[in-house]
Amino acid sequence: MLARAGFAANGVLHGVIGAIAISVAIGGGGEADQSGALGKLAAAPGGAVLLWAIVVGLVALGLWQIVQIFVVVGPDPKRRWARRLADFGKAVAYFAVAAIALIFAAGGSTNSADSSQNFSASVLAAPGGVFLLIVVGLVVSGIGVYFIFNGATKKFTDDIVVPAGAVGELIIVIGMLGYIAKGVALGVIGILFVIAAVTFDPSKASGLDGALKSLVALPYGAVILTIIGIGLIAYGVYCCARARLARLS
């Protein structure tokens, strides 16, 4: 039950991030990332209670992913280890966002862009740092491609019990749009990490907020960012639906 609440919490965050992205696209402000979304929620009525619920849900979801590492089955050892690595990566991601949410729930604040830049600076300062940061960027972009593939092929439906009829078809469409939009956003983040490595400039790696805002500089950038924002909202709606429909056996 708590893991399902974690999917819903993840959905709320992506929905707020998508709304902020649309605001930026039409000339407004805000940080279109986890920190910006959590800051908005903290300022809302009852925000503290919601933030603590998000912390509990995401931690539970992370723990559930850890459990999956030990119970994965299948005849192919390579596939089993690939699944274990994917589950571990998801757990780390959920725990990381839960840690940020905990800071806001406790009355503090943080900036995801600064964290990304500090991480990049630390990596670049290490021996072989340029190579390592390029690898990080390629991995993040690879995850983005994976999201796009899952969305385009509807493979994400393997993770849920798709309802029959029009409701199921609507959930599939929303999931496709959401997965592709999130994949594009992750792909841009990865590219920015690579640019930071090649130019030896940590400030280029500005996380999700910087990735989305960088799209505005492109031709028809405001339109592109609006579409991505709508897609992230769609991903949030899908995550909320997944809270009810996820296969967690």
C-alpha atoms as a PDB file:
ATOM      1  CA  MET A   1       0.000   0.000   0.000  1.00  0.00           C
ATOM      2  CA  LEU A   2       2.811   2.400   0.838  1.00  0.00           C
ATOM      3  CA  ALA A   3       4.626   1.564  -2.398  1.00  0.00           C
ATOM      4  CA  ARG A   4       1.449   2.394  -4.322  1.00  0.00           C
ATOM      5  CA  ALA A   5       1.310   5.692  -2.418  1.00  0.00           C
ATOM      6  CA  GLY A   6       4.862   6.266  -3.661  1.00  0.00           C
ATOM      7  CA  PHE A   7       3.709   6.054  -7.271  1.00  0.00           C
ATOM      8  CA  ALA A   8       1.025   8.634  -6.496  1.00  0.00           C
ATOM      9  CA  ALA A   9       3.596  10.889  -4.797  1.00  0.00           C
ATOM     10  CA  ASN A  10       5.852  10.626  -7.838  1.00  0.00           C
ATOM     11  CA  GLY A  11       2.864  11.518  -9.990  1.00  0.00           C
ATOM     12  CA  VAL A  12       2.085  14.645  -7.977  1.00  0.00           C
ATOM     13  CA  LEU A  13       5.691  15.845  -8.294  1.00  0.00           C
ATOM     14  CA  HIS A  14       5.773  15.327 -12.057  1.00  0.00           C
ATOM     15  CA  GLY A  15       2.445  17.066 -12.435  1.00  0.00           C
ATOM     16  CA  VAL A  16       3.720  20.149 -10.595  1.00  0.00           C
ATOM     17  CA  ILE A  17       7.001  20.089 -12.549  1.00  0.00           C
ATOM     18  CA  GLY A  18       5.028  19.970 -15.784  1.00  0.00           C
ATOM     19  CA  ALA A  19       2.884  22.921 -14.688  1.00  0.00           C
ATOM     20  CA  ILE A  20       5.999  24.938 -13.817  1.00  0.00           C
ATOM     21  CA  ALA A  21       7.518  24.082 -17.211  1.00  0.00           C
ATOM     22  CA  ILE A  22       4.419  25.420 -18.962  1.00  0.00           C
ATOM     23  CA  SER A  23       4.608  28.572 -16.812  1.00  0.00           C
ATOM     24  CA  VAL A  24       8.223  29.077 -17.896  1.00  0.00           C
ATOM     25  CA  ALA A  25       7.258  28.527 -21.530  1.00  0.00           C
ATOM     26  CA  ILE A  26       4.656  31.292 -21.442  1.00  0.00           C
ATOM     27  CA  GLY A  27       6.986  33.744 -19.737  1.00  0.00           C
ATOM     28  CA  GLY A  28       6.523  32.926 -16.058  1.00  0.00           C
ATOM     29  CA  GLY A  29       9.127  31.829 -13.537  1.00  0.00           C
ATOM     30  CA  GLY A  30       9.883  28.958 -11.236  1.00  0.00           C
ATOM     31  CA  GLU A  31      12.213  25.989 -11.011  1.00  0.00           C
ATOM     32  CA  ALA A  32      10.953  23.153 -13.196  1.00  0.00           C
ATOM     33  CA  ASP A  33      12.477  20.326 -11.159  1.00  0.00           C
ATOM     34  CA  GLN A  34      11.928  18.370  -7.948  1.00  0.00           C
ATOM     35  CA  SER A  35      13.080  21.227  -5.730  1.00  0.00           C
ATOM     36  CA  GLY A  36      10.794  23.696  -7.449  1.00  0.00           C
ATOM     37  CA  ALA A  37       7.837  21.315  -7.229  1.00  0.00           C
ATOM     38  CA  LEU A  38       8.471  20.557  -3.558  1.00  0.00           C
ATOM     39  CA  GLY A  39       8.805  24.264  -2.826  1.00  0.00           C
ATOM     40  CA  LYS A  40       5.406  24.895  -4.418  1.00  0.00           C
ATOM     41  CA  LEU A  41       3.854  22.097  -2.379  1.00  0.00           C
ATOM     42  CA  ALA A  42       5.479  23.350   0.832  1.00  0.00           C
ATOM     43  CA  ALA A  43       3.890  26.766   0.303  1.00  0.00           C
ATOM     44  CA  ALA A  44       0.417  25.312  -0.318  1.00  0.00           C
ATOM     45  CA  PRO A  45      -2.183  24.876   2.472  1.00  0.00           C
ATOM     46  CA  GLY A  46      -1.504  21.588   4.208  1.00  0.00           C
ATOM     47  CA  GLY A  47       1.787  21.377   2.356  1.00  0.00           C
ATOM     48  CA  ALA A  48       3.755  20.030   5.316  1.00  0.00           C
ATOM     49  CA  VAL A  49       1.435  17.035   5.679  1.00  0.00           C
ATOM     50  CA  LEU A  50       1.606  16.346   1.939  1.00  0.00           C
ATOM     51  CA  LEU A  51       5.408  16.553   1.968  1.00  0.00           C
ATOM     52  CA  TRP A  52       5.667  14.005   4.785  1.00  0.00           C
ATOM     53  CA  ALA A  53       3.288  11.729   2.884  1.00  0.00           C
ATOM     54  CA  ILE A  54       5.535  12.066  -0.185  1.00  0.00           C
ATOM     55  CA  VAL A  55       8.603  11.181   1.888  1.00  0.00           C
ATOM     56  CA  VAL A  56       6.966   8.044   3.312  1.00  0.00           C
ATOM     57  CA  GLY A  57       5.595   6.967  -0.057  1.00  0.00           C
ATOM     58  CA  LEU A  58       8.875   7.408  -1.953  1.00  0.00           C
ATOM     59  CA  VAL A  59      10.916   5.656   0.742  1.00  0.00           C
ATOM     60  CA  ALA A  60       8.455   2.752   0.683  1.00  0.00           C
ATOM     61  CA  LEU A  61       8.650   2.614  -3.110  1.00  0.00           C
ATOM     62  CA  GLY A  62      12.451   2.622  -2.940  1.00  0.00           C
ATOM     63  CA  LEU A  63      12.399  -0.229  -0.417  1.00  0.00           C
ATOM     64  CA  TRP A  64       9.991  -2.169  -2.613  1.00  0.00           C
ATOM     65  CA  GLN A  65      12.417  -1.810  -5.532  1.00  0.00           C
ATOM     66  CA  ILE A  66      15.228  -3.129  -3.296  1.00  0.00           C
ATOM     67  CA  VAL A  67      13.093  -6.165  -2.449  1.00  0.00           C
ATOM     68  CA  GLN A  68      12.607  -6.823  -6.173  1.00  0.00           C
ATOM     69  CA  ILE A  69      16.372  -7.199  -6.574  1.00  0.00           C
ATOM     70  CA  PHE A  70      16.262 -10.346  -4.452  1.00  0.00           C
ATOM     71  CA  VAL A  71      13.086 -11.917  -5.854  1.00  0.00           C
ATOM     72  CA  VAL A  72      13.609 -11.405  -9.594  1.00  0.00           C
ATOM     73  CA  VAL A  73      13.090 -14.618 -11.573  1.00  0.00           C
ATOM     74  CA  GLY A  74      13.752 -15.782 -15.113  1.00  0.00           C
ATOM     75  CA  PRO A  75      15.736 -18.403 -17.019  1.00  0.00           C
ATOM     76  CA  ASP A  76      18.314 -15.963 -18.446  1.00  0.00           C
ATOM     77  CA  PRO A  77      20.986 -14.853 -15.889  1.00  0.00           C
ATOM     78  CA  LYS A  78      21.901 -11.777 -17.972  1.00  0.00           C
ATOM     79  CA  ARG A  79      18.300 -10.598 -18.023  1.00  0.00           C
ATOM     80  CA  ARG A  80      18.002 -11.199 -14.286  1.00  0.00           C
ATOM     81  CA  TRP A  81      21.055  -9.053 -13.570  1.00  0.00           C
ATOM     82  CA  ALA A  82      19.882  -6.357 -15.970  1.00  0.00           C
ATOM     83  CA  ARG A  83      16.574  -6.291 -14.102  1.00  0.00           C
ATOM     84  CA  ARG A  84      18.398  -6.126 -10.768  1.00  0.00           C
ATOM     85  CA  LEU A  85      20.494  -3.166 -11.945  1.00  0.00           C
ATOM     86  CA  ALA A  86      17.369  -1.391 -13.210  1.00  0.00           C
ATOM     87  CA  ASP A  87      15.561  -1.962  -9.907  1.00  0.00           C
ATOM     88  CA  PHE A  88      18.583  -0.714  -7.978  1.00  0.00           C
ATOM     89  CA  GLY A  89      18.742   2.420 -10.123  1.00  0.00           C
ATOM     90  CA  LYS A  90      15.055   3.098  -9.547  1.00  0.00           C
ATOM     91  CA  ALA A  91      15.503   2.625  -5.795  1.00  0.00           C
ATOM     92  CA  VAL A  92      18.374   5.126  -5.725  1.00  0.00           C
ATOM     93  CA  ALA A  93      16.277   7.637  -7.678  1.00  0.00           C
ATOM     94  CA  TYR A  94      13.294   7.287  -5.321  1.00  0.00           C
ATOM     95  CA  PHE A  95      15.500   7.574  -2.228  1.00  0.00           C
ATOM     96  CA  ALA A  96      17.198  10.675  -3.666  1.00  0.00           C
ATOM     97  CA  VAL A  97      13.893  12.474  -4.276  1.00  0.00           C
ATOM     98  CA  ALA A  98      12.654  11.335  -0.851  1.00  0.00           C
ATOM     99  CA  ALA A  99      15.750  12.917   0.716  1.00  0.00           C
ATOM    100  CA  ILE A 100      15.000  16.218  -1.028  1.00  0.00           C
ATOM    101  CA  ALA A 101      11.365  16.007   0.087  1.00  0.00           C
ATOM    102  CA  LEU A 102      12.521  15.340   3.655  1.00  0.00           C
ATOM    103  CA  ILE A 103      14.547  18.556   3.633  1.00  0.00           C
ATOM    104  CA  PHE A 104      11.472  20.551   2.590  1.00  0.00           C
ATOM    105  CA  ALA A 105       9.212  18.682   5.022  1.00  0.00           C
ATOM    106  CA  ALA A 106      11.596  19.611   7.842  1.00  0.00           C
ATOM    107  CA  GLY A 107      11.338  23.293   6.890  1.00  0.00           C
ATOM    108  CA  GLY A 108      14.520  23.584   4.843  1.00  0.00           C
ATOM    109  CA  SER A 109      15.144  24.045   1.134  1.00  0.00           C
ATOM    110  CA  THR A 110      17.592  22.999  -1.536  1.00  0.00           C
ATOM    111  CA  ASN A 111      18.366  23.704  -5.168  1.00  0.00           C
ATOM    112  CA  SER A 112      18.605  20.785  -7.588  1.00  0.00           C
ATOM    113  CA  ALA A 113      20.489  22.845 -10.172  1.00  0.00           C
ATOM    114  CA  ASP A 114      23.192  23.728  -7.645  1.00  0.00           C
ATOM    115  CA  SER A 115      23.420  20.072  -6.625  1.00  0.00           C
ATOM    116  CA  SER A 116      23.936  19.027 -10.251  1.00  0.00           C
ATOM    117  CA  GLN A 117      26.595  21.663 -10.762  1.00  0.00           C
ATOM    118  CA  ASN A 118      28.389  20.735  -7.534  1.00  0.00           C
ATOM    119  CA  PHE A 119      28.293  17.081  -8.549  1.00  0.00           C
ATOM    120  CA  SER A 120      29.736  17.940 -11.959  1.00  0.00           C
ATOM    121  CA  ALA A 121      32.468  20.074 -10.409  1.00  0.00           C
ATOM    122  CA  SER A 122      33.420  17.244  -8.032  1.00  0.00           C
ATOM    123  CA  VAL A 123      33.571  14.714 -10.867  1.00  0.00           C
ATOM    124  CA  LEU A 124      35.621  17.018 -13.101  1.00  0.00           C
ATOM    125  CA  ALA A 125      38.096  17.586 -10.266  1.00  0.00           C
ATOM    126  CA  ALA A 126      38.716  13.839  -9.939  1.00  0.00           C
ATOM    127  CA  PRO A 127      41.299  11.940 -12.035  1.00  0.00           C
ATOM    128  CA  GLY A 128      39.699  11.141 -15.379  1.00  0.00           C
ATOM    129  CA  GLY A 129      36.817  13.399 -14.419  1.00  0.00           C
ATOM    130  CA  VAL A 130      36.016  14.495 -17.969  1.00  0.00           C
ATOM    131  CA  PHE A 131      35.643  10.879 -19.084  1.00  0.00           C
ATOM    132  CA  LEU A 132      33.557  10.000 -16.009  1.00  0.00           C
ATOM    133  CA  LEU A 133      31.195  12.939 -16.515  1.00  0.00           C
ATOM    134  CA  ILE A 134      30.759  12.024 -20.174  1.00  0.00           C
ATOM    135  CA  VAL A 135      29.835   8.503 -19.063  1.00  0.00           C
ATOM    136  CA  VAL A 136      27.314   9.961 -16.595  1.00  0.00           C
ATOM    137  CA  GLY A 137      25.801  12.044 -19.375  1.00  0.00           C
ATOM    138  CA  LEU A 138      25.597   9.086 -21.736  1.00  0.00           C
ATOM    139  CA  VAL A 139      23.987   6.917 -19.051  1.00  0.00           C
ATOM    140  CA  VAL A 140      21.362   9.574 -18.276  1.00  0.00           C
ATOM    141  CA  SER A 141      20.679  10.033 -21.995  1.00  0.00           C
ATOM    142  CA  GLY A 142      20.453   6.255 -22.343  1.00  0.00           C
ATOM    143  CA  ILE A 143      17.817   6.177 -19.619  1.00  0.00           C
ATOM    144  CA  GLY A 144      15.976   8.874 -21.553  1.00  0.00           C
ATOM    145  CA  VAL A 145      16.065   6.737 -24.695  1.00  0.00           C
ATOM    146  CA  TYR A 146      14.761   3.820 -22.630  1.00  0.00           C
ATOM    147  CA  PHE A 147      11.800   5.938 -21.470  1.00  0.00           C
ATOM    148  CA  ILE A 148      11.077   7.008 -25.049  1.00  0.00           C
ATOM    149  CA  PHE A 149      11.264   3.381 -26.212  1.00  0.00           C
ATOM    150  CA  ASN A 150       8.931   2.269 -23.426  1.00  0.00           C
ATOM    151  CA  GLY A 151       6.465   4.978 -24.361  1.00  0.00           C
ATOM    152  CA  ALA A 152       6.592   4.470 -28.129  1.00  0.00           C
ATOM    153  CA  THR A 153       6.250   0.675 -27.882  1.00  0.00           C
ATOM    154  CA  LYS A 154       3.733   0.757 -24.984  1.00  0.00           C
ATOM    155  CA  LYS A 155       6.049  -1.565 -23.061  1.00  0.00           C
ATOM    156  CA  PHE A 156       5.124   0.274 -19.847  1.00  0.00           C
ATOM    157  CA  THR A 157       1.806  -1.562 -19.968  1.00  0.00           C
ATOM    158  CA  ASP A 158       3.666  -4.655 -18.730  1.00  0.00           C
ATOM    159  CA  ASP A 159       3.868  -2.932 -15.334  1.00  0.00           C
ATOM    160  CA  ILE A 160       0.141  -2.347 -14.910  1.00  0.00           C
ATOM    161  CA  VAL A 161      -3.200  -4.092 -15.233  1.00  0.00           C
ATOM    162  CA  VAL A 162      -4.744  -2.169 -18.137  1.00  0.00           C
ATOM    163  CA  PRO A 163      -8.495  -1.659 -17.654  1.00  0.00           C
ATOM    164  CA  ALA A 164     -10.799  -2.745 -20.438  1.00  0.00           C
ATOM    165  CA  GLY A 165     -12.500  -0.311 -22.776  1.00  0.00           C
ATOM    166  CA  ALA A 166     -12.044   3.418 -23.233  1.00  0.00           C
ATOM    167  CA  VAL A 167     -10.471   3.938 -19.795  1.00  0.00           C
ATOM    168  CA  GLY A 168      -7.655   1.530 -20.621  1.00  0.00           C
ATOM    169  CA  GLU A 169      -7.089   3.145 -24.023  1.00  0.00           C
ATOM    170  CA  LEU A 170      -6.938   6.589 -22.393  1.00  0.00           C
ATOM    171  CA  ILE A 171      -4.398   5.402 -19.811  1.00  0.00           C
ATOM    172  CA  ILE A 172      -2.227   3.971 -22.593  1.00  0.00           C
ATOM    173  CA  VAL A 173      -2.295   7.255 -24.540  1.00  0.00           C
ATOM    174  CA  ILE A 174      -1.478   9.250 -21.389  1.00  0.00           C
ATOM    175  CA  GLY A 175       1.322   6.825 -20.546  1.00  0.00           C
ATOM    176  CA  MET A 176       2.813   7.044 -24.038  1.00  0.00           C
ATOM    177  CA  LEU A 177       2.842  10.836 -23.967  1.00  0.00           C
ATOM    178  CA  GLY A 178       4.240  10.883 -20.436  1.00  0.00           C
ATOM    179  CA  TYR A 179       7.029   8.378 -21.005  1.00  0.00           C
ATOM    180  CA  ILE A 180       8.170  10.066 -24.214  1.00  0.00           C
ATOM    181  CA  ALA A 181       8.158  13.541 -22.603  1.00  0.00           C
ATOM    182  CA  LYS A 182      10.127  12.323 -19.581  1.00  0.00           C
ATOM    183  CA  GLY A 183      12.555  10.550 -21.894  1.00  0.00           C
ATOM    184  CA  VAL A 184      13.172  13.734 -23.873  1.00  0.00           C
ATOM    185  CA  ALA A 185      13.786  15.685 -20.645  1.00  0.00           C
ATOM    186  CA  LEU A 186      16.271  13.058 -19.398  1.00  0.00           C
ATOM    187  CA  GLY A 187      17.980  13.028 -22.786  1.00  0.00           C
ATOM    188  CA  VAL A 188      18.553  16.781 -22.623  1.00  0.00           C
ATOM    189  CA  ILE A 189      19.922  16.471 -19.062  1.00  0.00           C
ATOM    190  CA  GLY A 190      22.404  13.861 -20.282  1.00  0.00           C
ATOM    191  CA  ILE A 191      23.478  16.074 -23.178  1.00  0.00           C
ATOM    192  CA  LEU A 192      24.096  18.961 -20.767  1.00  0.00           C
ATOM    193  CA  PHE A 193      26.329  16.713 -18.626  1.00  0.00           C
ATOM    194  CA  VAL A 194      28.351  15.841 -21.718  1.00  0.00           C
ATOM    195  CA  ILE A 195      28.612  19.522 -22.670  1.00  0.00           C
ATOM    196  CA  ALA A 196      29.768  20.333 -19.128  1.00  0.00           C
ATOM    197  CA  ALA A 197      32.474  17.675 -19.459  1.00  0.00           C
ATOM    198  CA  VAL A 198      33.650  18.710 -22.935  1.00  0.00           C
ATOM    199  CA  THR A 199      33.750  22.424 -22.051  1.00  0.00           C
ATOM    200  CA  PHE A 200      35.049  21.729 -18.531  1.00  0.00           C
ATOM    201  CA  ASP A 201      32.262  24.009 -17.248  1.00  0.00           C
ATOM    202  CA  PRO A 202      30.183  22.522 -14.377  1.00  0.00           C
ATOM    203  CA  SER A 203      27.606  25.307 -14.692  1.00  0.00           C
ATOM    204  CA  LYS A 204      26.382  23.721 -17.943  1.00  0.00           C
ATOM    205  CA  ALA A 205      25.047  20.744 -15.981  1.00  0.00           C
ATOM    206  CA  SER A 206      22.028  22.404 -14.404  1.00  0.00           C
ATOM    207  CA  GLY A 207      19.716  19.436 -13.903  1.00  0.00           C
ATOM    208  CA  LEU A 208      16.099  19.121 -15.008  1.00  0.00           C
ATOM    209  CA  ASP A 209      15.299  22.814 -14.562  1.00  0.00           C
ATOM    210  CA  GLY A 210      18.224  23.890 -16.743  1.00  0.00           C
ATOM    211  CA  ALA A 211      17.471  21.172 -19.290  1.00  0.00           C
ATOM    212  CA  LEU A 212      13.882  22.286 -19.729  1.00  0.00           C
ATOM    213  CA  LYS A 213      14.729  25.988 -19.780  1.00  0.00           C
ATOM    214  CA  SER A 214      17.440  25.350 -22.398  1.00  0.00           C
ATOM    215  CA  LEU A 215      14.683  24.277 -24.773  1.00  0.00           C
ATOM    216  CA  VAL A 216      13.284  27.822 -24.804  1.00  0.00           C
ATOM    217  CA  ALA A 217      16.347  28.984 -26.766  1.00  0.00           C
ATOM    218  CA  LEU A 218      15.507  26.618 -29.633  1.00  0.00           C
ATOM    219  CA  PRO A 219      13.340  27.629 -32.603  1.00  0.00           C
ATOM    220  CA  TYR A 220       9.729  27.318 -31.407  1.00  0.00           C
ATOM    221  CA  GLY A 221      11.260  26.602 -27.999  1.00  0.00           C
ATOM    222  CA  ALA A 222       8.262  27.884 -26.052  1.00  0.00           C
ATOM    223  CA  VAL A 223       5.984  25.521 -27.979  1.00  0.00           C
ATOM    224  CA  ILE A 224       8.379  22.607 -27.444  1.00  0.00           C
ATOM    225  CA  LEU A 225       8.618  23.322 -23.711  1.00  0.00           C
ATOM    226  CA  THR A 226       4.836  23.597 -23.448  1.00  0.00           C
ATOM    227  CA  ILE A 227       4.450  20.194 -25.107  1.00  0.00           C
ATOM    228  CA  ILE A 228       7.068  18.695 -22.770  1.00  0.00           C
ATOM    229  CA  GLY A 229       5.268  20.283 -19.802  1.00  0.00           C
ATOM    230  CA  ILE A 230       1.972  18.748 -20.906  1.00  0.00           C
ATOM    231  CA  GLY A 231       3.784  15.437 -21.324  1.00  0.00           C
ATOM    232  CA  LEU A 232       5.216  15.606 -17.793  1.00  0.00           C
ATOM    233  CA  ILE A 233       1.736  16.308 -16.449  1.00  0.00           C
ATOM    234  CA  ALA A 234       0.550  13.279 -18.421  1.00  0.00           C
ATOM    235  CA  TYR A 235       3.336  11.217 -16.846  1.00  0.00           C
ATOM    236  CA  GLY A 236       2.171  12.418 -13.449  1.00  0.00           C
ATOM    237  CA  VAL A 237      -1.396  11.357 -14.220  1.00  0.00           C
ATOM    238  CA  TYR A 238      -0.108   7.976 -15.381  1.00  0.00           C
ATOM    239  CA  CYS A 239       1.881   7.523 -12.156  1.00  0.00           C
ATOM    240  CA  CYS A 240      -1.248   8.267 -10.144  1.00  0.00           C
ATOM    241  CA  ALA A 241      -3.150   5.698 -12.199  1.00  0.00           C
ATOM    242  CA  ARG A 242      -0.268   3.267 -11.687  1.00  0.00           C
ATOM    243  CA  ALA A 243      -0.730   3.638  -7.933  1.00  0.00           C
ATOM    244  CA  ARG A 244      -3.983   1.748  -8.427  1.00  0.00           C
ATOM    245  CA  LEU A 245      -3.094  -0.449 -11.391  1.00  0.00           C
ATOM    246  CA  ALA A 246       0.541  -1.452 -10.778  1.00  0.00           C
ATOM    247  CA  ARG A 247       1.503  -5.131 -10.743  1.00  0.00           C
ATOM    248  CA  LEU A 248       3.189  -5.436  -7.342  1.00  0.00           C
ATOM    249  CA  SER A 249       2.905  -9.182  -6.786  1.00  0.00           C
END
